[in-house]
Amino acid sequence: CIDFKKLIFEFVVFKNYLDGVRGELKEEMKVKLKEEMKNELKDEMREELKEEMRAEIQEMLVEYDIKSRVTCQAKTKQGNASGRTS
């Protein structure tokens, strides 16, 4: 004789267990997904910051080079002018 009440009870217990496991897995996956997204965002932001810094440094180098050329030219002209008079 099959005890349907016992089978139904065992089925419900097993189903509840599976639901609990599924819930835990969903939470773990959410945490992992959030962490991965956070890391990807950090990497993207880091790359953007590097690019911005490179561009700023490049601009500064160009600006410095122009200023130093003007300064060198002015010093050279002053040196030549003073050299001629002495």
PDB file of N, CA and C in Angstrom:
ATOM      1  N   CYS A   1       0.843  -1.171   0.000  1.00  0.00           N
ATOM      2  CA  CYS A   1       0.000   0.000   0.000  1.00  0.00           C
ATOM      3  C   CYS A   1       0.893   1.241   0.000  1.00  0.00           C
ATOM      4  N   ILE A   2       0.595   2.179  -0.867  1.00  0.00           N
ATOM      5  CA  ILE A   2       1.369   3.415  -0.997  1.00  0.00           C
ATOM      6  C   ILE A   2       0.782   4.467  -0.068  1.00  0.00           C
ATOM      7  N   ASP A   3       1.677   5.075   0.707  1.00  0.00           N
ATOM      8  CA  ASP A   3       1.249   6.131   1.628  1.00  0.00           C
ATOM      9  C   ASP A   3       1.410   7.476   0.919  1.00  0.00           C
ATOM     10  N   PHE A   4       0.300   7.927   0.307  1.00  0.00           N
ATOM     11  CA  PHE A   4       0.340   9.172  -0.471  1.00  0.00           C
ATOM     12  C   PHE A   4       0.627  10.391   0.403  1.00  0.00           C
ATOM     13  N   LYS A   5       0.141  10.382   1.603  1.00  0.00           N
ATOM     14  CA  LYS A   5       0.387  11.522   2.492  1.00  0.00           C
ATOM     15  C   LYS A   5       1.885  11.669   2.762  1.00  0.00           C
ATOM     16  N   LYS A   6       2.543  10.520   2.985  1.00  0.00           N
ATOM     17  CA  LYS A   6       3.979  10.551   3.246  1.00  0.00           C
ATOM     18  C   LYS A   6       4.728  11.013   2.002  1.00  0.00           C
ATOM     19  N   LEU A   7       4.342  10.513   0.827  1.00  0.00           N
ATOM     20  CA  LEU A   7       4.978  10.919  -0.429  1.00  0.00           C
ATOM     21  C   LEU A   7       4.794  12.410  -0.686  1.00  0.00           C
ATOM     22  N   ILE A   8       3.586  12.886  -0.459  1.00  0.00           N
ATOM     23  CA  ILE A   8       3.312  14.311  -0.663  1.00  0.00           C
ATOM     24  C   ILE A   8       4.142  15.137   0.317  1.00  0.00           C
ATOM     25  N   PHE A   9       4.207  14.710   1.559  1.00  0.00           N
ATOM     26  CA  PHE A   9       5.000  15.425   2.564  1.00  0.00           C
ATOM     27  C   PHE A   9       6.475  15.470   2.149  1.00  0.00           C
ATOM     28  N   GLU A  10       7.034  14.317   1.735  1.00  0.00           N
ATOM     29  CA  GLU A  10       8.429  14.262   1.306  1.00  0.00           C
ATOM     30  C   GLU A  10       8.658  15.138   0.076  1.00  0.00           C
ATOM     31  N   PHE A  11       7.693  15.131  -0.829  1.00  0.00           N
ATOM     32  CA  PHE A  11       7.798  15.971  -2.023  1.00  0.00           C
ATOM     33  C   PHE A  11       7.828  17.445  -1.639  1.00  0.00           C
ATOM     34  N   VAL A  12       6.940  17.846  -0.751  1.00  0.00           N
ATOM     35  CA  VAL A  12       6.873  19.246  -0.315  1.00  0.00           C
ATOM     36  C   VAL A  12       8.163  19.635   0.397  1.00  0.00           C
ATOM     37  N   VAL A  13       8.665  18.755   1.257  1.00  0.00           N
ATOM     38  CA  VAL A  13       9.922  19.031   1.963  1.00  0.00           C
ATOM     39  C   VAL A  13      11.058  19.194   0.952  1.00  0.00           C
ATOM     40  N   PHE A  14      11.124  18.284  -0.023  1.00  0.00           N
ATOM     41  CA  PHE A  14      12.177  18.344  -1.037  1.00  0.00           C
ATOM     42  C   PHE A  14      12.039  19.605  -1.885  1.00  0.00           C
ATOM     43  N   LYS A  15      10.804  19.951  -2.254  1.00  0.00           N
ATOM     44  CA  LYS A  15      10.559  21.159  -3.043  1.00  0.00           C
ATOM     45  C   LYS A  15      10.985  22.398  -2.260  1.00  0.00           C
ATOM     46  N   ASN A  16      10.667  22.460  -0.991  1.00  0.00           N
ATOM     47  CA  ASN A  16      11.081  23.589  -0.151  1.00  0.00           C
ATOM     48  C   ASN A  16      12.606  23.680  -0.069  1.00  0.00           C
ATOM     49  N   TYR A  17      13.240  22.514   0.042  1.00  0.00           N
ATOM     50  CA  TYR A  17      14.704  22.483   0.073  1.00  0.00           C
ATOM     51  C   TYR A  17      15.271  23.053  -1.229  1.00  0.00           C
ATOM     52  N   LEU A  18      14.733  22.592  -2.357  1.00  0.00           N
ATOM     53  CA  LEU A  18      15.201  23.088  -3.658  1.00  0.00           C
ATOM     54  C   LEU A  18      14.947  24.587  -3.811  1.00  0.00           C
ATOM     55  N   ASP A  19      13.802  25.047  -3.355  1.00  0.00           N
ATOM     56  CA  ASP A  19      13.503  26.486  -3.406  1.00  0.00           C
ATOM     57  C   ASP A  19      14.516  27.278  -2.579  1.00  0.00           C
ATOM     58  N   GLY A  20      14.870  26.737  -1.413  1.00  0.00           N
ATOM     59  CA  GLY A  20      15.867  27.399  -0.564  1.00  0.00           C
ATOM     60  C   GLY A  20      17.229  27.457  -1.238  1.00  0.00           C
ATOM     61  N   VAL A  21      17.620  26.325  -1.836  1.00  0.00           N
ATOM     62  CA  VAL A  21      18.905  26.276  -2.546  1.00  0.00           C
ATOM     63  C   VAL A  21      18.887  27.256  -3.713  1.00  0.00           C
ATOM     64  N   ARG A  22      17.787  27.280  -4.453  1.00  0.00           N
ATOM     65  CA  ARG A  22      17.652  28.196  -5.588  1.00  0.00           C
ATOM     66  C   ARG A  22      17.773  29.646  -5.111  1.00  0.00           C
ATOM     67  N   GLY A  23      17.127  29.962  -3.998  1.00  0.00           N
ATOM     68  CA  GLY A  23      17.207  31.321  -3.447  1.00  0.00           C
ATOM     69  C   GLY A  23      18.629  31.697  -3.066  1.00  0.00           C
ATOM     70  N   GLU A  24      19.341  30.755  -2.430  1.00  0.00           N
ATOM     71  CA  GLU A  24      20.731  31.011  -2.050  1.00  0.00           C
ATOM     72  C   GLU A  24      21.597  31.224  -3.283  1.00  0.00           C
ATOM     73  N   LEU A  25      21.382  30.389  -4.295  1.00  0.00           N
ATOM     74  CA  LEU A  25      22.163  30.529  -5.524  1.00  0.00           C
ATOM     75  C   LEU A  25      21.885  31.865  -6.208  1.00  0.00           C
ATOM     76  N   LYS A  26      20.617  32.272  -6.212  1.00  0.00           N
ATOM     77  CA  LYS A  26      20.273  33.564  -6.811  1.00  0.00           C
ATOM     78  C   LYS A  26      20.988  34.695  -6.090  1.00  0.00           C
ATOM     79  N   GLU A  27      21.022  34.637  -4.771  1.00  0.00           N
ATOM     80  CA  GLU A  27      21.708  35.679  -3.991  1.00  0.00           C
ATOM     81  C   GLU A  27      23.204  35.680  -4.291  1.00  0.00           C
ATOM     82  N   GLU A  28      23.794  34.482  -4.340  1.00  0.00           N
ATOM     83  CA  GLU A  28      25.224  34.383  -4.653  1.00  0.00           C
ATOM     84  C   GLU A  28      25.510  34.951  -6.038  1.00  0.00           C
ATOM     85  N   MET A  29      24.645  34.620  -6.998  1.00  0.00           N
ATOM     86  CA  MET A  29      24.837  35.122  -8.356  1.00  0.00           C
ATOM     87  C   MET A  29      24.687  36.639  -8.401  1.00  0.00           C
ATOM     88  N   LYS A  30      23.737  37.179  -7.650  1.00  0.00           N
ATOM     89  CA  LYS A  30      23.562  38.635  -7.597  1.00  0.00           C
ATOM     90  C   LYS A  30      24.816  39.302  -7.060  1.00  0.00           C
ATOM     91  N   VAL A  31      25.356  38.734  -5.977  1.00  0.00           N
ATOM     92  CA  VAL A  31      26.561  39.307  -5.362  1.00  0.00           C
ATOM     93  C   VAL A  31      27.730  39.247  -6.344  1.00  0.00           C
ATOM     94  N   LYS A  32      27.897  38.091  -6.999  1.00  0.00           N
ATOM     95  CA  LYS A  32      28.992  37.942  -7.963  1.00  0.00           C
ATOM     96  C   LYS A  32      28.822  38.899  -9.133  1.00  0.00           C
ATOM     97  N   LEU A  33      27.600  39.018  -9.627  1.00  0.00           N
ATOM     98  CA  LEU A  33      27.337  39.911 -10.751  1.00  0.00           C
ATOM     99  C   LEU A  33      27.619  41.359 -10.372  1.00  0.00           C
ATOM    100  N   LYS A  34      27.186  41.765  -9.183  1.00  0.00           N
ATOM    101  CA  LYS A  34      27.457  43.132  -8.719  1.00  0.00           C
ATOM    102  C   LYS A  34      28.960  43.374  -8.628  1.00  0.00           C
ATOM    103  N   GLU A  35      29.676  42.398  -8.093  1.00  0.00           N
ATOM    104  CA  GLU A  35      31.130  42.531  -7.943  1.00  0.00           C
ATOM    105  C   GLU A  35      31.804  42.642  -9.312  1.00  0.00           C
ATOM    106  N   GLU A  36      31.381  41.797 -10.257  1.00  0.00           N
ATOM    107  CA  GLU A  36      31.949  41.850 -11.603  1.00  0.00           C
ATOM    108  C   GLU A  36      31.661  43.191 -12.265  1.00  0.00           C
ATOM    109  N   MET A  37      30.428  43.669 -12.120  1.00  0.00           N
ATOM    110  CA  MET A  37      30.070  44.955 -12.713  1.00  0.00           C
ATOM    111  C   MET A  37      30.886  46.081 -12.083  1.00  0.00           C
ATOM    112  N   LYS A  38      31.065  46.014 -10.774  1.00  0.00           N
ATOM    113  CA  LYS A  38      31.847  47.030 -10.068  1.00  0.00           C
ATOM    114  C   LYS A  38      33.293  47.024 -10.561  1.00  0.00           C
ATOM    115  N   ASN A  39      33.861  45.833 -10.718  1.00  0.00           N
ATOM    116  CA  ASN A  39      35.239  45.721 -11.196  1.00  0.00           C
ATOM    117  C   ASN A  39      35.373  46.220 -12.630  1.00  0.00           C
ATOM    118  N   GLU A  40      34.405  45.885 -13.481  1.00  0.00           N
ATOM    119  CA  GLU A  40      34.435  46.365 -14.863  1.00  0.00           C
ATOM    120  C   GLU A  40      34.353  47.882 -14.906  1.00  0.00           C
ATOM    121  N   LEU A  41      33.482  48.443 -14.090  1.00  0.00           N
ATOM    122  CA  LEU A  41      33.343  49.899 -14.036  1.00  0.00           C
ATOM    123  C   LEU A  41      34.639  50.544 -13.556  1.00  0.00           C
ATOM    124  N   LYS A  42      35.258  49.947 -12.537  1.00  0.00           N
ATOM    125  CA  LYS A  42      36.542  50.465 -12.049  1.00  0.00           C
ATOM    126  C   LYS A  42      37.579  50.453 -13.163  1.00  0.00           C
ATOM    127  N   ASP A  43      37.655  49.322 -13.895  1.00  0.00           N
ATOM    128  CA  ASP A  43      38.626  49.213 -14.981  1.00  0.00           C
ATOM    129  C   ASP A  43      38.366  50.256 -16.060  1.00  0.00           C
ATOM    130  N   GLU A  44      37.088  50.429 -16.426  1.00  0.00           N
ATOM    131  CA  GLU A  44      36.745  51.420 -17.444  1.00  0.00           C
ATOM    132  C   GLU A  44      37.104  52.827 -16.977  1.00  0.00           C
ATOM    133  N   MET A  45      36.783  53.131 -15.732  1.00  0.00           N
ATOM    134  CA  MET A  45      37.081  54.459 -15.198  1.00  0.00           C
ATOM    135  C   MET A  45      38.590  54.681 -15.121  1.00  0.00           C
ATOM    136  N   ARG A  46      39.315  53.648 -14.743  1.00  0.00           N
ATOM    137  CA  ARG A  46      40.774  53.741 -14.668  1.00  0.00           C
ATOM    138  C   ARG A  46      41.352  54.023 -16.058  1.00  0.00           C
ATOM    139  N   GLU A  47      40.846  53.325 -17.077  1.00  0.00           N
ATOM    140  CA  GLU A  47      41.324  53.546 -18.440  1.00  0.00           C
ATOM    141  C   GLU A  47      40.996  54.959 -18.918  1.00  0.00           C
ATOM    142  N   GLU A  48      39.779  55.420 -18.628  1.00  0.00           N
ATOM    143  CA  GLU A  48      39.396  56.777 -19.017  1.00  0.00           C
ATOM    144  C   GLU A  48      40.287  57.806 -18.337  1.00  0.00           C
ATOM    145  N   LEU A  49      40.563  57.591 -17.061  1.00  0.00           N
ATOM    146  CA  LEU A  49      41.423  58.512 -16.320  1.00  0.00           C
ATOM    147  C   LEU A  49      42.830  58.522 -16.912  1.00  0.00           C
ATOM    148  N   LYS A  50      43.345  57.342 -17.257  1.00  0.00           N
ATOM    149  CA  LYS A  50      44.668  57.266 -17.877  1.00  0.00           C
ATOM    150  C   LYS A  50      44.697  58.055 -19.177  1.00  0.00           C
ATOM    151  N   GLU A  51      43.662  57.876 -20.002  1.00  0.00           N
ATOM    152  CA  GLU A  51      43.601  58.588 -21.275  1.00  0.00           C
ATOM    153  C   GLU A  51      43.542  60.098 -21.056  1.00  0.00           C
ATOM    154  N   GLU A  52      42.729  60.529 -20.099  1.00  0.00           N
ATOM    155  CA  GLU A  52      42.628  61.957 -19.804  1.00  0.00           C
ATOM    156  C   GLU A  52      43.964  62.503 -19.311  1.00  0.00           C
ATOM    157  N   MET A  53      44.623  61.743 -18.448  1.00  0.00           N
ATOM    158  CA  MET A  53      45.914  62.195 -17.921  1.00  0.00           C
ATOM    159  C   MET A  53      46.955  62.261 -19.029  1.00  0.00           C
ATOM    160  N   ARG A  54      46.958  61.274 -19.921  1.00  0.00           N
ATOM    161  CA  ARG A  54      47.895  61.299 -21.049  1.00  0.00           C
ATOM    162  C   ARG A  54      47.670  62.537 -21.903  1.00  0.00           C
ATOM    163  N   ALA A  55      46.400  62.830 -22.180  1.00  0.00           N
ATOM    164  CA  ALA A  55      46.074  63.998 -22.997  1.00  0.00           C
ATOM    165  C   ALA A  55      46.531  65.279 -22.307  1.00  0.00           C
ATOM    166  N   GLU A  56      46.282  65.387 -21.010  1.00  0.00           N
ATOM    167  CA  GLU A  56      46.702  66.583 -20.272  1.00  0.00           C
ATOM    168  C   GLU A  56      48.217  66.713 -20.254  1.00  0.00           C
ATOM    169  N   ILE A  57      48.908  65.605 -20.031  1.00  0.00           N
ATOM    170  CA  ILE A  57      50.373  65.637 -20.021  1.00  0.00           C
ATOM    171  C   ILE A  57      50.888  66.033 -21.394  1.00  0.00           C
ATOM    172  N   GLN A  58      50.274  65.478 -22.437  1.00  0.00           N
ATOM    173  CA  GLN A  58      50.686  65.814 -23.799  1.00  0.00           C
ATOM    174  C   GLN A  58      50.499  67.307 -24.049  1.00  0.00           C
ATOM    175  N   GLU A  59      49.362  67.846 -23.627  1.00  0.00           N
ATOM    176  CA  GLU A  59      49.112  69.282 -23.779  1.00  0.00           C
ATOM    177  C   GLU A  59      50.149  70.090 -23.014  1.00  0.00           C
ATOM    178  N   MET A  60      50.453  69.653 -21.802  1.00  0.00           N
ATOM    179  CA  MET A  60      51.437  70.366 -20.992  1.00  0.00           C
ATOM    180  C   MET A  60      52.814  70.325 -21.647  1.00  0.00           C
ATOM    181  N   LEU A  61      53.170  69.172 -22.213  1.00  0.00           N
ATOM    182  CA  LEU A  61      54.467  69.060 -22.880  1.00  0.00           C
ATOM    183  C   LEU A  61      54.537  69.976 -24.090  1.00  0.00           C
ATOM    184  N   VAL A  62      53.453  70.005 -24.859  1.00  0.00           N
ATOM    185  CA  VAL A  62      53.417  70.894 -26.023  1.00  0.00           C
ATOM    186  C   VAL A  62      53.529  72.335 -25.561  1.00  0.00           C
ATOM    187  N   GLU A  63      52.772  72.686 -24.547  1.00  0.00           N
ATOM    188  CA  GLU A  63      52.793  74.045 -24.017  1.00  0.00           C
ATOM    189  C   GLU A  63      54.187  74.383 -23.483  1.00  0.00           C
ATOM    190  N   TYR A  64      54.789  73.470 -22.748  1.00  0.00           N
ATOM    191  CA  TYR A  64      56.121  73.702 -22.187  1.00  0.00           C
ATOM    192  C   TYR A  64      57.143  73.849 -23.302  1.00  0.00           C
ATOM    193  N   ASP A  65      57.039  73.002 -24.317  1.00  0.00           N
ATOM    194  CA  ASP A  65      57.977  73.043 -25.433  1.00  0.00           C
ATOM    195  C   ASP A  65      57.889  74.388 -26.141  1.00  0.00           C
ATOM    196  N   ILE A  66      56.687  74.883 -26.344  1.00  0.00           N
ATOM    197  CA  ILE A  66      56.508  76.181 -26.997  1.00  0.00           C
ATOM    198  C   ILE A  66      57.114  77.276 -26.130  1.00  0.00           C
ATOM    199  N   LYS A  67      56.831  77.257 -24.844  1.00  0.00           N
ATOM    200  CA  LYS A  67      57.370  78.280 -23.942  1.00  0.00           C
ATOM    201  C   LYS A  67      58.889  78.203 -23.890  1.00  0.00           C
ATOM    202  N   SER A  68      59.425  76.984 -23.819  1.00  0.00           N
ATOM    203  CA  SER A  68      60.877  76.855 -23.717  1.00  0.00           C
ATOM    204  C   SER A  68      61.548  77.299 -25.014  1.00  0.00           C
ATOM    205  N   ARG A  69      60.913  77.067 -26.153  1.00  0.00           N
ATOM    206  CA  ARG A  69      61.479  77.535 -27.421  1.00  0.00           C
ATOM    207  C   ARG A  69      61.507  79.055 -27.465  1.00  0.00           C
ATOM    208  N   VAL A  70      60.416  79.668 -27.031  1.00  0.00           N
ATOM    209  CA  VAL A  70      60.351  81.130 -27.015  1.00  0.00           C
ATOM    210  C   VAL A  70      61.412  81.673 -26.066  1.00  0.00           C
ATOM    211  N   THR A  71      61.546  81.062 -24.901  1.00  0.00           N
ATOM    212  CA  THR A  71      62.542  81.499 -23.921  1.00  0.00           C
ATOM    213  C   THR A  71      63.947  81.328 -24.482  1.00  0.00           C
ATOM    214  N   CYS A  72      64.206  80.174 -25.112  1.00  0.00           N
ATOM    215  CA  CYS A  72      65.529  79.935 -25.690  1.00  0.00           C
ATOM    216  C   CYS A  72      65.812  80.932 -26.805  1.00  0.00           C
ATOM    217  N   GLN A  73      64.819  81.198 -27.641  1.00  0.00           N
ATOM    218  CA  GLN A  73      65.006  82.159 -28.730  1.00  0.00           C
ATOM    219  C   GLN A  73      65.280  83.543 -28.168  1.00  0.00           C
ATOM    220  N   ALA A  74      64.554  83.919 -27.128  1.00  0.00           N
ATOM    221  CA  ALA A  74      64.754  85.240 -26.523  1.00  0.00           C
ATOM    222  C   ALA A  74      66.146  85.325 -25.915  1.00  0.00           C
ATOM    223  N   LYS A  75      66.585  84.269 -25.235  1.00  0.00           N
ATOM    224  CA  LYS A  75      67.922  84.269 -24.640  1.00  0.00           C
ATOM    225  C   LYS A  75      68.986  84.306 -25.727  1.00  0.00           C
ATOM    226  N   THR A  76      68.766  83.552 -26.800  1.00  0.00           N
ATOM    227  CA  THR A  76      69.727  83.532 -27.897  1.00  0.00           C
ATOM    228  C   THR A  76      69.826  84.910 -28.535  1.00  0.00           C
ATOM    229  N   LYS A  77      68.695  85.553 -28.743  1.00  0.00           N
ATOM    230  CA  LYS A  77      68.698  86.897 -29.326  1.00  0.00           C
ATOM    231  C   LYS A  77      69.396  87.877 -28.400  1.00  0.00           C
ATOM    232  N   GLN A  78      69.142  87.761 -27.099  1.00  0.00           N
ATOM    233  CA  GLN A  78      69.792  88.653 -26.133  1.00  0.00           C
ATOM    234  C   GLN A  78      71.291  88.385 -26.114  1.00  0.00           C
ATOM    235  N   GLY A  79      71.656  87.113 -26.155  1.00  0.00           N
ATOM    236  CA  GLY A  79      73.075  86.747 -26.150  1.00  0.00           C
ATOM    237  C   GLY A  79      73.771  87.257 -27.393  1.00  0.00           C
ATOM    238  N   ASN A  80      73.131  87.130 -28.545  1.00  0.00           N
ATOM    239  CA  ASN A  80      73.705  87.615 -29.792  1.00  0.00           C
ATOM    240  C   ASN A  80      73.810  89.127 -29.775  1.00  0.00           C
ATOM    241  N   ALA A  81      72.792  89.773 -29.252  1.00  0.00           N
ATOM    242  CA  ALA A  81      72.796  91.233 -29.209  1.00  0.00           C
ATOM    243  C   ALA A  81      73.896  91.720 -28.287  1.00  0.00           C
ATOM    244  N   SER A  82      74.060  91.095 -27.133  1.00  0.00           N
ATOM    245  CA  SER A  82      75.104  91.533 -26.207  1.00  0.00           C
ATOM    246  C   SER A  82      76.475  91.134 -26.726  1.00  0.00           C
ATOM    247  N   GLY A  83      76.538  90.060 -27.480  1.00  0.00           N
ATOM    248  CA  GLY A  83      77.813  89.622 -28.045  1.00  0.00           C
ATOM    249  C   GLY A  83      78.306  90.580 -29.107  1.00  0.00           C
ATOM    250  N   ARG A  84      77.410  91.167 -29.830  1.00  0.00           N
ATOM    251  CA  ARG A  84      77.786  92.098 -30.890  1.00  0.00           C
ATOM    252  C   ARG A  84      78.330  93.409 -30.319  1.00  0.00           C
ATOM    253  N   THR A  85      77.823  93.818 -29.186  1.00  0.00           N
ATOM    254  CA  THR A  85      78.212  95.114 -28.634  1.00  0.00           C
ATOM    255  C   THR A  85      79.519  95.034 -27.874  1.00  0.00           C
ATOM    256  N   SER A  86      79.935  93.835 -27.477  1.00  0.00           N
ATOM    257  CA  SER A  86      81.155  93.815 -26.684  1.00  0.00           C
ATOM    258  C   SER A  86      82.401  93.706 -27.484  1.00  0.00           C
TER     259      SER A  86
END
